[in-house]
Every structure is written in C-alpha cells, then in structure tokens.
C-alpha cells in the first residue's frame, strides 16, 4: 500500500507537468489546425532561460535571493521571452503560409524545430547543464534545499514542497486558461477564430492579433512547464 501511494503522488505530479505542454500544443492546433513541431523546442528554450536566471543570482548553492522570489523571476522571464519567441515564429514562419496547402506549414514547423535546436547547440557548445534542485537555496548543513522539505506524509511517504508547488501551478494555469477562453471577450474571439477564421474576420475580429496572442500563451505554457519539471527532477539536465 505504501508503494501504491508513492507512485500515486509521483503520477499526479508528473501528469501535472505534462498537462502544461499539452495545453500549449492544443491551443495552437485548436486555432490554426497546425501541428507545431517546434513546440517542444520552445520548452527547451524556457529551460535554458531558467537555468541562466539561477546562475545570474549566484547559482543553486549560493543564491543571493530567496527561492520563492527566484521562482517568480524565472517564471516571468521564461514565459515572457519564450512567448515573444513564439509570436516571432508565428509572424515570420507560419503567417505567410496560413493559406498555403497544409503540408507547407507542417514542413516549416519541422524546419523551425531544427533551427531552434541547432541554434541553442551552437550558443551553448553542446554543454549539458543541471538545475541541481536538491541544492537550490540550501543553507549550512541542511541536506536539501527548501523545495525538498517534507510538508506531510501519505501512508508513510513524504510529500515535498516542490510536488505541491508543481501540482498547484499546473492547476492554477489550467483554471486560468479555462476562465480566459470561456468568460472573456478575448476567449470568445479565440473560439470564433478556431471555428471559422474567415467569418470571424468579417465580423470585425482581428484574427492576426488573436492568433499571435494564442502563440504567446501557447509558448509560455511549455516554458513554465520546463521550470517546474527541472525543479522537480533531481539532476535533470538541459
């Protein structure tokens, strides 16, 4: 029974992580019917941004700011920068092919994916970096940093701060997206554009703006997902 609850906690945490990248992917497909193969590479870029933010503030073992503030800065910078990259990709790679045969943007998405992967490899010289989540914010002789402090136990298995943080973050972002799509004017514009882009444009909806904002949000979701997964997985590398 103890093993079951341990795997249940791990499964819920991992499922929450993967839900974020799935949400971003489905947003793009829902609006444009485009399989954005570069989506996973945006997730990779978000990981590098998060890593270099940690280094900017002294590294995992010598942080100059509190861990909660660090996480907020990482989320804001990663989501904003990767979201902006997503908008740029949509504007220069996908928008000119919006009315082309569907195979054209599909091939372009593969090309964008290769471009991002090789650009990052050139910039980093192929080096492997780790987040060191166990040591993030560790003080003195503490065995682990604050992210791995036990909050409570389930059948004798500890549930750590980072696991609660991951699930809470995923739930917050999912609920926020549902409310945005279902209860806001922009959400109605998204649904109209997804249903019939030409008709939505004739009704006065700025479909280019809607699609650009959709790409911004869709790119921001994998960025936050990569920060949460690297905070959760020990020794995970980018």
Protein backbone atom coordinates (compact mmCIF):
# COMPACT_ATOMS: atom_id res chain seq x y z
CA UNK A 1 0.00 0.00 0.00
CA UNK A 2 2.88 2.37 0.77
CA UNK A 3 4.31 1.76 -2.72
CA UNK A 4 0.91 2.48 -4.28
CA UNK A 5 0.61 5.88 -2.60
CA UNK A 6 4.20 6.75 -3.51
CA UNK A 7 3.51 6.01 -7.17
CA UNK A 8 0.17 7.85 -6.96
CA UNK A 9 1.88 11.03 -5.75
CA UNK A 10 4.58 10.68 -8.40
CA UNK A 11 1.97 10.05 -11.10
CA UNK A 12 -0.13 13.08 -10.15
CA UNK A 13 2.97 15.30 -10.13
CA UNK A 14 4.23 14.02 -13.48
CA UNK A 15 0.76 14.28 -15.02
CA UNK A 16 0.51 17.89 -13.89
CA UNK A 17 3.83 18.62 -15.60
CA UNK A 18 2.87 17.08 -18.93
CA UNK A 19 -0.54 18.77 -18.91
CA UNK A 20 1.12 22.18 -19.35
CA UNK A 21 2.92 21.31 -22.56
CA UNK A 22 -0.22 19.57 -23.86
CA UNK A 23 -2.29 22.70 -23.23
CA UNK A 24 0.08 24.86 -25.26
CA UNK A 25 0.18 22.37 -28.12
CA UNK A 26 -3.62 22.02 -28.22
CA UNK A 27 -4.15 25.81 -28.22
CA UNK A 28 -2.18 26.21 -31.46
CA UNK A 29 -3.85 23.21 -33.07
CA UNK A 30 -7.30 24.35 -31.97
CA UNK A 31 -6.95 27.80 -33.54
CA UNK A 32 -4.87 27.06 -36.66
CA UNK A 33 -5.14 23.27 -37.06
CA UNK A 34 -1.34 23.34 -37.14
CA UNK A 35 0.87 20.64 -35.66
CA UNK A 36 3.56 22.86 -34.21
CA UNK A 37 6.59 20.57 -34.12
CA UNK A 38 8.66 23.44 -32.71
CA UNK A 39 6.56 23.41 -29.53
CA UNK A 40 8.94 21.08 -27.71
CA UNK A 41 11.89 23.26 -28.65
CA UNK A 42 10.23 26.29 -27.06
CA UNK A 43 10.04 24.16 -23.94
CA UNK A 44 13.80 23.63 -24.25
CA UNK A 45 14.48 27.37 -24.61
CA UNK A 46 12.47 28.03 -21.44
CA UNK A 47 14.70 25.56 -19.61
CA UNK A 48 17.86 27.39 -20.62
CA UNK A 49 16.38 30.73 -19.61
CA UNK A 50 15.52 29.33 -16.20
CA UNK A 51 18.99 27.89 -15.77
CA UNK A 52 20.76 31.13 -16.65
CA UNK A 53 18.49 33.09 -14.28
CA UNK A 54 19.67 30.80 -11.47
CA UNK A 55 23.28 31.41 -12.46
CA UNK A 56 22.63 35.16 -12.63
CA UNK A 57 21.64 35.10 -8.97
CA UNK A 58 24.68 33.12 -7.83
CA UNK A 59 23.91 29.50 -8.72
CA UNK A 60 21.90 26.84 -6.94
CA UNK A 61 24.13 26.67 -3.85
CA UNK A 62 24.88 30.38 -3.48
CA UNK A 63 21.62 32.17 -4.24
CA UNK A 64 21.56 35.88 -3.49
CA UNK A 65 17.74 36.00 -3.27
CA UNK A 66 15.04 33.86 -1.67
CA UNK A 67 13.87 30.78 -3.58
CA UNK A 68 10.22 31.95 -3.93
CA UNK A 69 11.35 35.24 -5.47
CA UNK A 70 13.74 33.36 -7.75
CA UNK A 71 10.92 31.14 -8.99
CA UNK A 72 8.72 34.16 -9.71
CA UNK A 73 11.50 35.84 -11.71
CA UNK A 74 12.19 32.61 -13.59
CA UNK A 75 8.53 32.17 -14.49
CA UNK A 76 8.05 35.76 -15.62
CA UNK A 77 11.22 35.90 -17.71
CA UNK A 78 10.84 32.44 -19.24
CA UNK A 79 7.15 32.84 -20.07
CA UNK A 80 7.65 36.36 -21.44
CA UNK A 81 10.75 35.67 -23.54
CA UNK A 82 9.59 32.32 -24.87
CA UNK A 83 6.13 33.77 -25.52
CA UNK A 84 7.75 36.54 -27.54
CA UNK A 85 9.76 33.93 -29.45
CA UNK A 86 6.53 32.08 -30.20
CA UNK A 87 4.97 35.27 -31.58
CA UNK A 88 8.03 35.89 -33.77
CA UNK A 89 7.87 32.33 -35.11
CA UNK A 90 4.19 32.75 -35.95
CA UNK A 91 4.77 36.12 -37.63
CA UNK A 92 7.73 35.20 -39.83
CA UNK A 93 7.40 31.42 -40.32
CA UNK A 94 3.71 30.49 -40.16
CA UNK A 95 1.70 33.57 -41.10
CA UNK A 96 2.98 33.80 -44.70
CA UNK A 97 1.87 30.17 -45.17
CA UNK A 98 -1.51 30.49 -43.48
CA UNK A 99 -3.45 29.95 -46.73
CA UNK A 100 -0.96 27.53 -48.28
CA UNK A 101 -1.57 23.76 -48.53
CA UNK A 102 -1.38 22.19 -45.07
CA UNK A 103 1.83 20.33 -45.87
CA UNK A 104 3.73 23.64 -46.24
CA UNK A 105 3.34 24.91 -42.62
CA UNK A 106 3.90 21.35 -41.43
CA UNK A 107 7.30 21.19 -43.13
CA UNK A 108 8.04 24.73 -41.92
CA UNK A 109 7.34 23.67 -38.33
CA UNK A 110 9.91 20.88 -38.67
CA UNK A 111 12.39 23.41 -40.08
CA UNK A 112 11.78 25.82 -37.19
CA UNK A 113 12.36 22.95 -34.78
CA UNK A 114 15.71 22.13 -36.38
CA UNK A 115 16.64 25.82 -36.39
CA UNK A 116 15.97 26.25 -32.66
CA UNK A 117 17.75 23.04 -31.70
CA UNK A 118 20.88 23.81 -33.67
CA UNK A 119 20.92 27.48 -32.63
CA UNK A 120 20.90 26.52 -28.96
CA UNK A 121 23.56 23.89 -29.58
CA UNK A 122 25.78 26.49 -31.23
CA UNK A 123 25.23 29.02 -28.43
CA UNK A 124 25.95 26.52 -25.65
CA UNK A 125 28.62 24.47 -27.46
CA UNK A 126 26.58 21.38 -26.67
CA UNK A 127 27.38 21.54 -22.94
CA UNK A 128 24.98 19.87 -20.52
CA UNK A 129 23.69 21.96 -17.62
CA UNK A 130 21.86 20.82 -14.48
CA UNK A 131 19.47 22.70 -12.24
CA UNK A 132 20.66 20.97 -9.03
CA UNK A 133 17.18 21.18 -7.49
CA UNK A 134 18.27 19.41 -4.28
CA UNK A 135 20.79 22.17 -3.61
CA UNK A 136 18.63 25.12 -4.71
CA UNK A 137 18.65 27.56 -1.81
CA UNK A 138 20.34 25.12 0.59
CA UNK A 139 21.83 26.72 3.70
CA UNK A 140 24.55 25.49 6.02
CA UNK A 141 24.46 21.79 6.79
CA UNK A 142 20.93 21.23 5.54
CA UNK A 143 20.76 18.02 3.44
CA UNK A 144 18.36 19.60 0.93
CA UNK A 145 17.09 23.00 -0.14
CA UNK A 146 13.63 24.33 0.78
CA UNK A 147 11.98 22.76 -2.28
CA UNK A 148 12.60 19.31 -0.82
CA UNK A 149 11.28 19.91 2.68
CA UNK A 150 8.54 17.45 3.57
CA UNK A 151 5.11 19.05 4.11
CA UNK A 152 3.13 15.96 5.11
CA UNK A 153 3.13 12.19 4.56
CA UNK A 154 0.79 9.84 2.72
CA UNK A 155 0.98 6.26 4.02
CA UNK A 156 4.48 6.98 5.28
CA UNK A 157 5.67 8.59 2.04
CA UNK A 158 6.71 12.25 2.32
CA UNK A 159 5.11 14.83 0.03
CA UNK A 160 7.60 17.59 -0.71
CA UNK A 161 7.14 21.31 -1.21
CA UNK A 162 8.15 21.02 -4.86
CA UNK A 163 5.46 18.42 -5.57
CA UNK A 164 2.75 20.63 -4.11
CA UNK A 165 4.19 23.58 -6.00
CA UNK A 166 4.10 21.68 -9.32
CA UNK A 167 0.51 20.48 -8.93
CA UNK A 168 -0.73 23.85 -7.65
CA UNK A 169 0.97 25.70 -10.52
CA UNK A 170 -0.49 23.35 -13.13
CA UNK A 171 -3.99 23.61 -11.64
CA UNK A 172 -3.78 27.40 -11.48
CA UNK A 173 -2.70 27.70 -15.12
CA UNK A 174 -5.35 25.25 -16.30
CA UNK A 175 -8.14 27.03 -14.44
CA UNK A 176 -6.88 30.39 -15.67
CA UNK A 177 -6.96 29.15 -19.27
CA UNK A 178 -10.49 27.77 -18.91
CA UNK A 179 -11.73 31.06 -17.47
CA UNK A 180 -9.93 33.04 -20.18
CA UNK A 181 -11.44 31.01 -23.00
CA UNK A 182 -14.94 30.74 -21.59
CA UNK A 183 -15.56 34.06 -19.84
CA UNK A 184 -13.58 36.80 -21.55
CA UNK A 185 -14.01 38.73 -24.77
CA UNK A 186 -10.66 37.55 -26.00
CA UNK A 187 -11.67 33.96 -25.27
CA UNK A 188 -14.77 34.39 -27.41
CA UNK A 189 -12.55 35.74 -30.18
CA UNK A 190 -10.33 32.67 -29.85
CA UNK A 191 -13.29 30.33 -30.14
CA UNK A 192 -14.68 32.23 -33.12
CA UNK A 193 -11.31 32.18 -34.89
CA UNK A 194 -10.94 28.47 -34.24
CA UNK A 195 -14.44 27.77 -35.58
CA UNK A 196 -14.21 29.87 -38.76
CA UNK A 197 -11.32 32.28 -39.24
CA UNK A 198 -12.75 33.99 -42.33
CA UNK A 199 -16.17 34.53 -40.78
CA UNK A 200 -14.58 35.84 -37.56
CA UNK A 201 -12.55 38.33 -39.61
CA UNK A 202 -15.67 39.54 -41.43
CA UNK A 203 -17.37 40.08 -38.05
CA UNK A 204 -14.61 42.51 -37.05
CA UNK A 205 -12.34 40.22 -35.06
CA UNK A 206 -8.64 40.90 -35.53
CA UNK A 207 -7.71 37.30 -36.25
CA UNK A 208 -4.00 38.10 -36.66
CA UNK A 209 -3.92 39.51 -33.13
CA UNK A 210 -5.88 36.55 -31.76
CA UNK A 211 -3.51 34.06 -33.38
CA UNK A 212 -0.43 35.99 -32.21
CA UNK A 213 -1.72 36.07 -28.62
CA UNK A 214 -2.56 32.37 -28.83
CA UNK A 215 1.03 31.65 -29.85
CA UNK A 216 2.28 33.82 -27.00
CA UNK A 217 0.27 31.89 -24.42
CA UNK A 218 0.96 28.52 -26.02
CA UNK A 219 4.71 29.20 -25.98
CA UNK A 220 4.60 30.45 -22.39
CA UNK A 221 3.00 27.23 -21.12
CA UNK A 222 5.87 24.90 -22.06
CA UNK A 223 8.31 27.45 -20.62
CA UNK A 224 6.65 27.26 -17.21
CA UNK A 225 6.38 23.50 -17.54
CA UNK A 226 10.11 23.12 -18.03
CA UNK A 227 10.87 25.25 -14.99
CA UNK A 228 8.58 23.12 -12.83
CA UNK A 229 9.93 19.82 -14.13
CA UNK A 230 13.55 20.83 -13.62
CA UNK A 231 12.71 21.99 -10.12
CA UNK A 232 11.16 18.58 -9.54
CA UNK A 233 13.57 16.13 -11.19
CA UNK A 234 16.88 15.60 -9.44
CA UNK A 235 19.90 16.18 -11.64
CA UNK A 236 17.78 16.81 -14.72
CA UNK A 237 19.83 18.40 -17.46
CA UNK A 238 19.27 20.81 -20.30
